[in-house]
N, C-alpha and C. Protein backbone atom coordinates (compact mmCIF):
# COMPACT_ATOMS: atom_id res chain seq x y z
N MET A 1 28.33 22.26 -2.24
CA MET A 1 26.99 21.99 -2.67
C MET A 1 26.98 20.63 -3.36
N VAL A 2 25.93 19.89 -3.07
CA VAL A 2 25.71 18.61 -3.74
C VAL A 2 24.37 18.70 -4.45
N ILE A 3 24.39 18.50 -5.76
CA ILE A 3 23.18 18.53 -6.58
C ILE A 3 22.92 17.13 -7.07
N ALA A 4 21.68 16.64 -6.89
CA ALA A 4 21.40 15.26 -7.29
C ALA A 4 19.96 15.12 -7.73
N PRO A 5 19.73 14.38 -8.83
CA PRO A 5 18.36 14.02 -9.18
C PRO A 5 17.88 12.93 -8.22
N ILE A 6 16.60 12.98 -7.82
CA ILE A 6 16.04 11.95 -6.95
C ILE A 6 14.69 11.51 -7.50
N THR A 7 14.16 10.46 -6.94
CA THR A 7 12.89 9.86 -7.35
C THR A 7 12.80 9.67 -8.86
N LYS A 8 13.78 8.93 -9.38
CA LYS A 8 13.85 8.60 -10.81
C LYS A 8 13.87 9.86 -11.68
N GLY A 9 14.55 10.89 -11.19
CA GLY A 9 14.72 12.11 -11.97
C GLY A 9 13.55 13.06 -11.97
N LYS A 10 12.54 12.80 -11.16
CA LYS A 10 11.37 13.69 -11.12
C LYS A 10 11.62 14.95 -10.29
N PHE A 11 12.61 14.89 -9.39
CA PHE A 11 12.96 16.03 -8.56
C PHE A 11 14.47 16.23 -8.60
N LEU A 12 14.88 17.45 -8.30
CA LEU A 12 16.29 17.79 -8.23
C LEU A 12 16.55 18.35 -6.84
N SER A 13 17.56 17.81 -6.13
CA SER A 13 17.87 18.28 -4.79
C SER A 13 19.20 19.03 -4.78
N PHE A 14 19.26 20.06 -3.95
CA PHE A 14 20.45 20.87 -3.75
C PHE A 14 20.71 20.92 -2.24
N ALA A 15 21.79 20.32 -1.77
CA ALA A 15 22.18 20.39 -0.37
C ALA A 15 23.45 21.23 -0.30
N TYR A 16 23.47 22.22 0.56
CA TYR A 16 24.62 23.14 0.59
C TYR A 16 25.00 23.52 2.02
N MET A 17 26.24 23.94 2.17
CA MET A 17 26.76 24.45 3.43
C MET A 17 27.38 25.82 3.16
N TRP A 18 27.31 26.71 4.15
CA TRP A 18 27.89 28.04 4.02
C TRP A 18 28.16 28.57 5.42
N SER A 19 28.83 29.70 5.51
CA SER A 19 29.10 30.28 6.83
C SER A 19 28.84 31.78 6.81
N PHE A 20 28.53 32.30 8.00
CA PHE A 20 28.30 33.73 8.20
C PHE A 20 28.88 34.07 9.57
N LYS A 21 29.77 35.03 9.59
CA LYS A 21 30.45 35.44 10.83
C LYS A 21 31.03 34.21 11.55
N GLU A 22 31.70 33.37 10.77
CA GLU A 22 32.40 32.18 11.25
C GLU A 22 31.47 31.11 11.84
N GLU A 23 30.18 31.21 11.59
CA GLU A 23 29.24 30.17 12.04
C GLU A 23 28.76 29.38 10.82
N GLU A 24 28.87 28.05 10.91
CA GLU A 24 28.47 27.18 9.81
C GLU A 24 26.94 27.08 9.72
N HIS A 25 26.45 27.04 8.49
CA HIS A 25 25.02 26.87 8.22
C HIS A 25 24.85 25.88 7.09
N GLU A 26 23.64 25.34 6.99
CA GLU A 26 23.36 24.44 5.89
C GLU A 26 21.93 24.64 5.42
N GLY A 27 21.68 24.22 4.18
CA GLY A 27 20.36 24.37 3.61
C GLY A 27 20.08 23.27 2.61
N PHE A 28 18.82 23.22 2.21
CA PHE A 28 18.38 22.19 1.27
C PHE A 28 17.25 22.77 0.42
N LEU A 29 17.34 22.54 -0.90
CA LEU A 29 16.32 22.99 -1.84
C LEU A 29 15.90 21.78 -2.66
N LEU A 30 14.59 21.58 -2.78
CA LEU A 30 14.03 20.49 -3.57
C LEU A 30 13.14 21.11 -4.64
N ILE A 31 13.41 20.79 -5.91
CA ILE A 31 12.65 21.35 -7.03
C ILE A 31 12.00 20.23 -7.83
N GLY A 32 10.74 20.43 -8.18
CA GLY A 32 10.02 19.51 -9.04
C GLY A 32 9.27 20.30 -10.09
N SER A 33 8.96 19.66 -11.20
CA SER A 33 8.25 20.40 -12.24
C SER A 33 7.36 19.49 -13.07
N GLY A 34 6.31 20.09 -13.57
CA GLY A 34 5.48 19.48 -14.60
C GLY A 34 5.79 20.27 -15.86
N LYS A 35 6.93 19.94 -16.48
CA LYS A 35 7.41 20.74 -17.61
C LYS A 35 6.34 20.90 -18.70
N ALA A 36 5.57 19.84 -18.94
CA ALA A 36 4.53 19.92 -19.96
C ALA A 36 3.47 20.96 -19.61
N GLU A 37 3.20 21.11 -18.31
CA GLU A 37 2.20 22.10 -17.85
C GLU A 37 2.83 23.47 -17.60
N GLY A 38 4.16 23.54 -17.56
CA GLY A 38 4.85 24.80 -17.29
C GLY A 38 4.84 25.20 -15.82
N VAL A 39 4.58 24.23 -14.93
CA VAL A 39 4.48 24.51 -13.49
C VAL A 39 5.71 23.95 -12.79
N ALA A 40 6.25 24.72 -11.83
CA ALA A 40 7.37 24.27 -11.02
C ALA A 40 7.05 24.53 -9.55
N THR A 41 7.52 23.63 -8.68
CA THR A 41 7.36 23.81 -7.24
C THR A 41 8.71 23.58 -6.58
N ALA A 42 8.88 24.17 -5.41
CA ALA A 42 10.13 24.00 -4.67
C ALA A 42 9.84 24.08 -3.18
N ALA A 43 10.70 23.44 -2.41
CA ALA A 43 10.67 23.54 -0.95
C ALA A 43 12.08 23.90 -0.52
N TRP A 44 12.20 24.91 0.36
CA TRP A 44 13.52 25.38 0.79
C TRP A 44 13.56 25.43 2.31
N VAL A 45 14.66 24.93 2.88
CA VAL A 45 14.94 25.06 4.31
C VAL A 45 16.39 25.50 4.46
N ASP A 46 16.66 26.27 5.50
CA ASP A 46 18.00 26.80 5.72
C ASP A 46 18.17 27.04 7.21
N SER A 47 19.28 26.63 7.77
CA SER A 47 19.50 26.75 9.21
C SER A 47 19.59 28.20 9.70
N PHE A 48 19.85 29.13 8.82
CA PHE A 48 19.98 30.55 9.19
C PHE A 48 18.67 31.31 8.95
N HIS A 49 18.06 31.12 7.80
CA HIS A 49 16.94 31.95 7.37
C HIS A 49 15.57 31.47 7.83
N MET A 50 15.33 30.17 7.90
CA MET A 50 13.97 29.67 7.97
C MET A 50 13.43 29.38 9.37
N GLY A 51 14.27 29.31 10.38
CA GLY A 51 13.78 29.13 11.74
C GLY A 51 12.91 27.88 11.93
N GLY A 52 13.21 26.80 11.24
CA GLY A 52 12.45 25.57 11.40
C GLY A 52 11.24 25.42 10.51
N LYS A 53 10.97 26.41 9.68
CA LYS A 53 9.83 26.35 8.76
C LYS A 53 10.30 25.96 7.37
N ILE A 54 9.37 25.48 6.57
CA ILE A 54 9.64 25.16 5.17
C ILE A 54 9.02 26.23 4.29
N MET A 55 9.80 26.79 3.38
CA MET A 55 9.24 27.73 2.41
C MET A 55 8.81 26.93 1.18
N ALA A 56 7.51 26.94 0.92
CA ALA A 56 6.97 26.27 -0.25
C ALA A 56 6.81 27.31 -1.36
N CYS A 57 7.43 27.07 -2.49
CA CYS A 57 7.42 28.02 -3.61
C CYS A 57 6.69 27.43 -4.81
N GLU A 58 6.03 28.29 -5.53
CA GLU A 58 5.42 27.90 -6.80
C GLU A 58 5.95 28.83 -7.87
N GLY A 59 6.05 28.31 -9.08
CA GLY A 59 6.55 29.13 -10.17
C GLY A 59 6.31 28.46 -11.50
N THR A 60 7.17 28.79 -12.44
CA THR A 60 7.03 28.27 -13.79
C THR A 60 8.33 27.64 -14.26
N VAL A 61 8.21 26.78 -15.27
CA VAL A 61 9.36 26.19 -15.93
C VAL A 61 9.09 26.21 -17.42
N ASP A 62 10.11 26.58 -18.22
CA ASP A 62 9.89 26.62 -19.67
C ASP A 62 10.32 25.32 -20.33
N GLU A 63 10.18 25.23 -21.62
CA GLU A 63 10.49 24.01 -22.35
C GLU A 63 11.96 23.62 -22.27
N GLN A 64 12.86 24.58 -22.02
CA GLN A 64 14.29 24.30 -21.88
C GLN A 64 14.66 23.90 -20.45
N GLY A 65 13.68 23.92 -19.53
CA GLY A 65 13.95 23.55 -18.14
C GLY A 65 14.36 24.71 -17.25
N LYS A 66 14.25 25.94 -17.73
CA LYS A 66 14.57 27.10 -16.90
C LYS A 66 13.36 27.43 -16.02
N PHE A 67 13.62 27.65 -14.73
CA PHE A 67 12.54 27.89 -13.80
C PHE A 67 12.55 29.32 -13.29
N ASP A 68 11.42 29.73 -12.72
CA ASP A 68 11.23 31.07 -12.16
C ASP A 68 10.32 30.93 -10.94
N PHE A 69 10.82 31.28 -9.75
CA PHE A 69 10.06 31.20 -8.51
C PHE A 69 10.00 32.56 -7.84
N PHE A 70 8.97 32.77 -7.02
CA PHE A 70 8.91 33.95 -6.17
C PHE A 70 8.23 33.55 -4.87
N ASP A 71 8.82 33.93 -3.75
CA ASP A 71 8.20 33.69 -2.44
C ASP A 71 8.88 34.57 -1.41
N SER A 72 8.48 34.45 -0.15
CA SER A 72 9.06 35.27 0.91
C SER A 72 9.14 34.47 2.20
N TYR A 73 9.91 34.99 3.17
CA TYR A 73 9.98 34.37 4.49
C TYR A 73 10.05 35.46 5.54
N GLU A 74 9.66 35.10 6.78
CA GLU A 74 9.64 36.06 7.88
C GLU A 74 11.05 36.49 8.25
N ALA A 75 11.23 37.79 8.53
CA ALA A 75 12.52 38.33 8.94
C ALA A 75 12.32 39.37 10.04
N PRO A 76 11.75 38.94 11.20
CA PRO A 76 11.49 39.90 12.27
C PRO A 76 12.76 40.59 12.74
N PRO A 77 12.71 41.80 13.19
CA PRO A 77 11.51 42.58 13.44
C PRO A 77 11.05 43.38 12.22
N GLY A 78 11.70 43.21 11.10
CA GLY A 78 11.35 43.96 9.89
C GLY A 78 10.32 43.24 9.04
N PRO A 79 10.13 43.75 7.84
CA PRO A 79 9.18 43.11 6.92
C PRO A 79 9.72 41.78 6.39
N ASP A 80 8.83 40.98 5.84
CA ASP A 80 9.25 39.72 5.23
C ASP A 80 10.25 39.98 4.12
N TRP A 81 11.16 39.03 3.94
CA TRP A 81 12.13 39.09 2.83
C TRP A 81 11.64 38.17 1.74
N GLY A 82 11.91 38.54 0.52
CA GLY A 82 11.50 37.69 -0.58
C GLY A 82 12.17 38.11 -1.86
N GLY A 83 11.94 37.33 -2.85
CA GLY A 83 12.53 37.66 -4.13
C GLY A 83 12.24 36.62 -5.16
N GLU A 84 12.71 36.92 -6.31
CA GLU A 84 12.51 36.05 -7.44
C GLU A 84 13.78 35.25 -7.67
N SER A 85 13.63 33.97 -7.94
CA SER A 85 14.77 33.11 -8.25
C SER A 85 14.61 32.58 -9.66
N LYS A 86 15.64 32.76 -10.47
CA LYS A 86 15.61 32.27 -11.84
C LYS A 86 16.83 31.40 -12.08
N SER A 87 16.62 30.33 -12.84
CA SER A 87 17.77 29.52 -13.21
C SER A 87 18.51 30.18 -14.34
N PRO A 88 19.79 29.92 -14.47
CA PRO A 88 20.57 30.57 -15.53
C PRO A 88 20.21 30.04 -16.92
């Protein structure tokens, strides 16, 4: 995983690689926040989960910079998958 601030520190990017059943995958997460407003946004793409779509997430960020997101993505033939993501 490579974590890097971009656009003069206004966004944080996470680029990662992983494998499942010996097949390589990669993903990218971009997080931005208006800490003063308590609003956080994120965009996530992943070669395994997203099928060419971008998951746009909205959430919150506290004064210490901890974020909380919730969203879902399609997982046919079953129901959409989703969950809450919190920073440590």
